[in-house]
Amino acid sequence: MGQHTHTNWMPCCKEATLLVEKQLQQESLPLLQKMGLRLHLLICIYCRRYAKQSKAIDQHLDGFVTQTDILPDESLKLKWEMMIAEKMKK
């Protein structure tokens, strides 16, 4: 990462990457943080590249995995509960 130092109004590279991720997760940033991040991204090529790559990854993965893909169906859930209960009896 670059040699940028942290100030009260402009984040360091580590903080900038965290703020980029917060923005990608649709979290709103306070005005001072948002301005500091924008200024940091203007100056730092590495964080600018990170932000661009993170956004591209987020866009490619958006809709790839849906919530229903993650959750097991009820029969599998019941089977797991029975297996766990059986193991706990031993």
C-alpha atoms as a PDB file:
ATOM      1  CA  MET A   1       0.000   0.000   0.000  1.00  0.00           C
ATOM      2  CA  GLY A   2       1.016   3.588  -0.300  1.00  0.00           C
ATOM      3  CA  GLN A   3       2.796   5.633   2.314  1.00  0.00           C
ATOM      4  CA  HIS A   4      -0.188   7.802   3.184  1.00  0.00           C
ATOM      5  CA  THR A   5      -0.595   8.817   6.786  1.00  0.00           C
ATOM      6  CA  HIS A   6      -3.838   9.103   8.666  1.00  0.00           C
ATOM      7  CA  THR A   7      -5.293  12.528   9.427  1.00  0.00           C
ATOM      8  CA  ASN A   8      -8.523  13.488  11.149  1.00  0.00           C
ATOM      9  CA  TRP A   9     -10.193  14.184   7.825  1.00  0.00           C
ATOM     10  CA  MET A  10      -8.469  11.761   5.423  1.00  0.00           C
ATOM     11  CA  PRO A  11      -8.203   8.023   6.137  1.00  0.00           C
ATOM     12  CA  CYS A  12      -5.067   5.935   5.712  1.00  0.00           C
ATOM     13  CA  CYS A  13      -5.073   3.107   3.147  1.00  0.00           C
ATOM     14  CA  LYS A  14      -6.301   0.514   5.652  1.00  0.00           C
ATOM     15  CA  GLU A  15      -9.235   2.690   6.705  1.00  0.00           C
ATOM     16  CA  ALA A  16      -9.970   3.644   3.095  1.00  0.00           C
ATOM     17  CA  THR A  17     -10.383   0.006   2.056  1.00  0.00           C
ATOM     18  CA  LEU A  18     -12.761  -0.570   4.961  1.00  0.00           C
ATOM     19  CA  LEU A  19     -14.786   2.492   3.970  1.00  0.00           C
ATOM     20  CA  VAL A  20     -14.919   1.279   0.360  1.00  0.00           C
ATOM     21  CA  GLU A  21     -16.348  -2.031   1.580  1.00  0.00           C
ATOM     22  CA  LYS A  22     -18.904  -0.233   3.754  1.00  0.00           C
ATOM     23  CA  GLN A  23     -20.076   1.758   0.757  1.00  0.00           C
ATOM     24  CA  LEU A  24     -20.386  -1.409  -1.331  1.00  0.00           C
ATOM     25  CA  GLN A  25     -22.600  -2.886   1.398  1.00  0.00           C
ATOM     26  CA  GLN A  26     -24.906   0.134   1.022  1.00  0.00           C
ATOM     27  CA  GLU A  27     -23.909   1.616   4.379  1.00  0.00           C
ATOM     28  CA  SER A  28     -24.034   5.388   4.429  1.00  0.00           C
ATOM     29  CA  LEU A  29     -20.906   7.177   5.571  1.00  0.00           C
ATOM     30  CA  PRO A  30     -20.823  10.443   7.497  1.00  0.00           C
ATOM     31  CA  LEU A  31     -20.085  13.416   5.243  1.00  0.00           C
ATOM     32  CA  LEU A  32     -16.541  13.954   6.573  1.00  0.00           C
ATOM     33  CA  GLN A  33     -15.631  10.290   6.023  1.00  0.00           C
ATOM     34  CA  LYS A  34     -17.153  10.309   2.552  1.00  0.00           C
ATOM     35  CA  MET A  35     -15.177  13.414   1.580  1.00  0.00           C
ATOM     36  CA  GLY A  36     -11.986  12.029   3.102  1.00  0.00           C
ATOM     37  CA  LEU A  37     -12.407   8.767   1.209  1.00  0.00           C
ATOM     38  CA  ARG A  38     -12.957  10.589  -2.082  1.00  0.00           C
ATOM     39  CA  LEU A  39      -9.840  12.675  -1.515  1.00  0.00           C
ATOM     40  CA  HIS A  40      -7.839   9.586  -0.585  1.00  0.00           C
ATOM     41  CA  LEU A  41      -9.006   7.780  -3.735  1.00  0.00           C
ATOM     42  CA  LEU A  42      -7.942  10.774  -5.839  1.00  0.00           C
ATOM     43  CA  ILE A  43      -4.439  10.597  -4.395  1.00  0.00           C
ATOM     44  CA  CYS A  44      -3.836   6.870  -3.882  1.00  0.00           C
ATOM     45  CA  ILE A  45      -3.674   4.697  -6.999  1.00  0.00           C
ATOM     46  CA  TYR A  46      -3.591   1.509  -4.929  1.00  0.00           C
ATOM     47  CA  CYS A  47      -6.808   2.194  -3.039  1.00  0.00           C
ATOM     48  CA  ARG A  48      -8.442   3.461  -6.222  1.00  0.00           C
ATOM     49  CA  ARG A  49      -7.543   0.142  -7.888  1.00  0.00           C
ATOM     50  CA  TYR A  50      -8.844  -1.754  -4.832  1.00  0.00           C
ATOM     51  CA  ALA A  51     -12.144   0.132  -4.968  1.00  0.00           C
ATOM     52  CA  LYS A  52     -12.532  -0.541  -8.684  1.00  0.00           C
ATOM     53  CA  GLN A  53     -11.762  -4.255  -8.291  1.00  0.00           C
ATOM     54  CA  SER A  54     -14.053  -4.632  -5.261  1.00  0.00           C
ATOM     55  CA  LYS A  55     -16.900  -2.997  -7.137  1.00  0.00           C
ATOM     56  CA  ALA A  56     -16.346  -5.309 -10.126  1.00  0.00           C
ATOM     57  CA  ILE A  57     -16.320  -8.390  -7.877  1.00  0.00           C
ATOM     58  CA  ASP A  58     -19.454  -7.206  -6.097  1.00  0.00           C
ATOM     59  CA  GLN A  59     -21.251  -6.650  -9.412  1.00  0.00           C
ATOM     60  CA  HIS A  60     -20.243 -10.058 -10.752  1.00  0.00           C
ATOM     61  CA  LEU A  61     -21.370 -11.834  -7.586  1.00  0.00           C
ATOM     62  CA  ASP A  62     -24.598  -9.879  -7.271  1.00  0.00           C
ATOM     63  CA  GLY A  63     -27.407 -12.313  -7.862  1.00  0.00           C
ATOM     64  CA  PHE A  64     -25.010 -15.242  -8.258  1.00  0.00           C
ATOM     65  CA  VAL A  65     -25.854 -16.642  -4.845  1.00  0.00           C
ATOM     66  CA  THR A  66     -29.374 -16.045  -3.675  1.00  0.00           C
ATOM     67  CA  GLN A  67     -30.673 -16.528  -0.167  1.00  0.00           C
ATOM     68  CA  THR A  68     -32.595 -19.644  -1.208  1.00  0.00           C
ATOM     69  CA  ASP A  69     -29.340 -21.216  -2.457  1.00  0.00           C
ATOM     70  CA  ILE A  70     -27.888 -20.938   1.033  1.00  0.00           C
ATOM     71  CA  LEU A  71     -30.790 -22.215   3.123  1.00  0.00           C
ATOM     72  CA  PRO A  72     -31.364 -25.985   3.310  1.00  0.00           C
ATOM     73  CA  ASP A  73     -34.802 -27.365   2.615  1.00  0.00           C
ATOM     74  CA  GLU A  74     -36.933 -28.422   5.596  1.00  0.00           C
ATOM     75  CA  SER A  75     -36.368 -32.181   5.181  1.00  0.00           C
ATOM     76  CA  LEU A  76     -32.601 -31.741   5.290  1.00  0.00           C
ATOM     77  CA  LYS A  77     -32.902 -29.436   8.288  1.00  0.00           C
ATOM     78  CA  LEU A  78     -35.026 -32.025  10.126  1.00  0.00           C
ATOM     79  CA  LYS A  79     -32.519 -34.758   9.265  1.00  0.00           C
ATOM     80  CA  TRP A  80     -29.654 -32.675  10.682  1.00  0.00           C
ATOM     81  CA  GLU A  81     -31.603 -31.929  13.864  1.00  0.00           C
ATOM     82  CA  MET A  82     -32.254 -35.641  14.380  1.00  0.00           C
ATOM     83  CA  MET A  83     -28.579 -36.504  13.781  1.00  0.00           C
ATOM     84  CA  ILE A  84     -27.446 -33.848  16.261  1.00  0.00           C
ATOM     85  CA  ALA A  85     -29.967 -35.019  18.872  1.00  0.00           C
ATOM     86  CA  GLU A  86     -28.781 -38.614  18.392  1.00  0.00           C
ATOM     87  CA  LYS A  87     -25.120 -37.632  18.810  1.00  0.00           C
ATOM     88  CA  MET A  88     -25.908 -35.642  21.939  1.00  0.00           C
ATOM     89  CA  LYS A  89     -27.537 -38.694  23.570  1.00  0.00           C
ATOM     90  CA  LYS A  90     -24.257 -40.613  23.401  1.00  0.00           C
END
